[in-house]
Amino acid sequence: MVSIFSAPTRNLDIVTLHEILRLRQDVFVVEQECAYPDIDGRDLEPGTVQFWAGQGSVDATLRLLREDDGTERIGRVATARHARSQGLGAQLMEAAIAESRSSSIAINAQAHLEQWYGRFGFVRSGDDFLEDAIPHVPMTRTR
């Protein structure tokens, strides 16, 4: 049975934090070939909550950021290759949305996942853009 967890980054034990960062590196930097500064300082901001799923390991992850204007942002949504198509990302999205305290949640979705994020109530909120040579679309979910 896969479990869903969440905690502010500052409350994570070092092994869990390492596994979250390793998974993000494996998916975004290695698999998607995007050399970018994943460790961007936002994980340590007050209010940032990490979500992860797994069975004794981190098989999927995302983070929920609280912006200065009161909105929130979901990002760094990643699932290990071996754990895809098991619904872990969807479970994490539902958990993050339930945890949200804002009337508005933003995401920058990879364009090919626009319909997937639409399942959770996100709608396009701007024009397509490139981020690390990957087409993205801004999306917002409002209550």
Protein backbone atom coordinates (compact mmCIF):
# COMPACT_ATOMS: atom_id res chain seq x y z
CA MET A 1 0.00 0.00 0.00
CA VAL A 2 1.37 3.38 -1.04
CA SER A 3 1.22 6.14 1.55
CA ILE A 4 0.86 9.89 0.98
CA PHE A 5 2.88 12.23 3.19
CA SER A 6 3.31 15.97 3.58
CA ALA A 7 5.41 18.24 5.75
CA PRO A 8 7.00 21.66 5.67
CA THR A 9 10.48 21.32 4.17
CA ARG A 10 12.08 22.52 7.40
CA ASN A 11 10.48 19.61 9.28
CA LEU A 12 11.72 16.85 6.96
CA ASP A 13 14.35 14.39 8.07
CA ILE A 14 17.51 14.55 5.96
CA VAL A 15 16.92 11.17 4.26
CA THR A 16 13.42 12.13 3.04
CA LEU A 17 14.64 15.52 1.81
CA HIS A 18 17.52 13.82 0.00
CA GLU A 19 15.13 11.36 -1.69
CA ILE A 20 12.77 14.16 -2.79
CA LEU A 21 15.64 16.17 -4.28
CA ARG A 22 17.13 13.04 -5.88
CA LEU A 23 13.83 12.18 -7.56
CA ARG A 24 13.45 15.73 -8.90
CA GLN A 25 17.02 15.57 -10.24
CA ASP A 26 16.42 12.16 -11.83
CA VAL A 27 13.25 13.29 -13.61
CA PHE A 28 13.95 16.90 -14.56
CA VAL A 29 17.72 17.14 -14.92
CA VAL A 30 18.64 13.63 -16.09
CA GLU A 31 15.55 12.20 -17.84
CA GLN A 32 14.26 15.45 -19.35
CA GLU A 33 17.81 16.75 -19.92
CA CYS A 34 17.15 20.16 -18.32
CA ALA A 35 20.22 21.52 -16.61
CA TYR A 36 18.67 24.09 -14.28
CA PRO A 37 18.97 25.09 -10.61
CA ASP A 38 16.34 22.82 -9.04
CA ILE A 39 17.55 23.74 -5.56
CA ASP A 40 16.31 27.30 -5.97
CA GLY A 41 15.85 28.36 -2.34
CA ARG A 42 12.05 28.18 -2.52
CA ASP A 43 11.95 24.85 -0.69
CA LEU A 44 13.20 26.63 2.44
CA GLU A 45 10.70 29.48 2.35
CA PRO A 46 8.27 29.61 5.28
CA GLY A 47 5.04 27.92 4.27
CA THR A 48 6.51 25.61 1.63
CA VAL A 49 5.09 22.11 2.02
CA GLN A 50 6.55 19.00 0.39
CA PHE A 51 4.27 16.15 -0.61
CA TRP A 52 5.52 12.68 -1.43
CA ALA A 53 4.21 9.18 -2.01
CA GLY A 54 5.80 5.79 -1.72
CA GLN A 55 6.32 2.53 0.10
CA GLY A 56 9.48 3.11 2.10
CA SER A 57 10.86 5.29 -0.71
CA VAL A 58 9.94 8.52 -2.48
CA ASP A 59 8.23 7.43 -5.70
CA ALA A 60 6.44 10.72 -6.47
CA THR A 61 6.67 14.27 -5.17
CA LEU A 62 5.46 17.85 -5.53
CA ARG A 63 5.75 21.05 -3.56
CA LEU A 64 3.18 23.65 -2.54
CA LEU A 65 4.49 27.21 -2.32
CA ARG A 66 2.74 30.08 -0.60
CA GLU A 67 3.30 33.34 -2.49
CA ASP A 68 3.59 36.80 -0.91
CA ASP A 69 0.26 37.88 -2.47
CA GLY A 70 -1.64 35.07 -0.73
CA THR A 71 -1.91 32.79 -3.73
CA GLU A 72 -0.31 29.38 -3.83
CA ARG A 73 1.69 27.52 -6.46
CA ILE A 74 2.14 23.80 -7.07
CA GLY A 75 5.37 22.79 -8.74
CA ARG A 76 8.10 20.20 -9.10
CA VAL A 77 5.52 17.48 -9.79
CA ALA A 78 7.58 14.35 -10.50
CA THR A 79 7.05 10.60 -10.49
CA ALA A 80 9.80 8.00 -10.74
CA ARG A 81 9.73 6.09 -14.03
CA HIS A 82 9.01 2.77 -12.26
CA ALA A 83 6.01 4.26 -10.43
CA ARG A 84 4.21 5.97 -13.32
CA SER A 85 0.62 5.13 -14.27
CA GLN A 86 -0.22 4.17 -10.68
CA GLY A 87 -2.08 7.39 -9.87
CA LEU A 88 0.52 8.72 -7.43
CA GLY A 89 0.72 12.14 -9.07
CA ALA A 90 -3.06 12.45 -8.97
CA GLN A 91 -3.14 11.52 -5.28
CA LEU A 92 -0.48 14.12 -4.53
CA MET A 93 -2.35 16.79 -6.52
CA GLU A 94 -5.54 16.05 -4.58
CA ALA A 95 -3.64 16.21 -1.28
CA ALA A 96 -1.99 19.54 -2.17
CA ILE A 97 -5.30 21.06 -3.30
CA ALA A 98 -6.93 19.90 -0.05
CA GLU A 99 -4.06 21.46 1.94
CA SER A 100 -4.35 24.75 0.06
CA ARG A 101 -5.63 27.73 2.00
CA SER A 102 -5.80 30.11 -0.94
CA SER A 103 -8.65 30.88 -3.30
CA SER A 104 -6.18 30.57 -6.19
CA ILE A 105 -3.52 27.98 -7.02
CA ALA A 106 -1.18 28.46 -9.97
CA ILE A 107 0.94 25.97 -11.90
CA ASN A 108 3.24 26.10 -14.89
CA ALA A 109 2.27 22.84 -16.57
CA GLN A 110 4.22 21.09 -19.26
CA ALA A 111 1.95 21.66 -22.27
CA HIS A 112 1.37 17.96 -22.96
CA LEU A 113 -0.11 17.63 -19.45
CA GLU A 114 -2.66 20.46 -19.78
CA GLN A 115 -5.63 18.07 -19.93
CA TRP A 116 -4.29 16.03 -17.01
CA TYR A 117 -4.13 19.15 -14.81
CA GLY A 118 -7.56 20.12 -16.10
CA ARG A 119 -8.93 17.06 -14.26
CA PHE A 120 -8.17 18.91 -11.02
CA GLY A 121 -9.91 22.14 -12.02
CA PHE A 122 -6.93 23.98 -13.49
CA VAL A 123 -7.60 26.13 -16.56
CA ARG A 124 -5.24 27.89 -18.94
CA SER A 125 -4.43 31.39 -17.70
CA GLY A 126 -2.01 32.65 -20.35
CA ASP A 127 0.00 31.93 -23.45
CA ASP A 128 2.32 28.99 -23.99
CA PHE A 129 5.96 29.61 -23.12
CA LEU A 130 9.24 27.70 -23.18
CA GLU A 131 10.95 26.74 -19.97
CA ASP A 132 14.19 24.82 -20.35
CA ALA A 133 13.24 24.17 -24.00
CA ILE A 134 10.00 22.41 -22.93
CA PRO A 135 6.63 23.94 -23.91
CA HIS A 136 4.65 25.00 -20.83
CA VAL A 137 1.29 26.61 -20.20
CA PRO A 138 0.31 28.71 -17.17
CA MET A 139 -2.79 27.38 -15.41
CA THR A 140 -4.85 28.49 -12.43
CA ARG A 141 -7.40 26.80 -10.20
CA THR A 142 -9.83 28.99 -8.28
CA ARG A 143 -12.36 27.99 -5.66
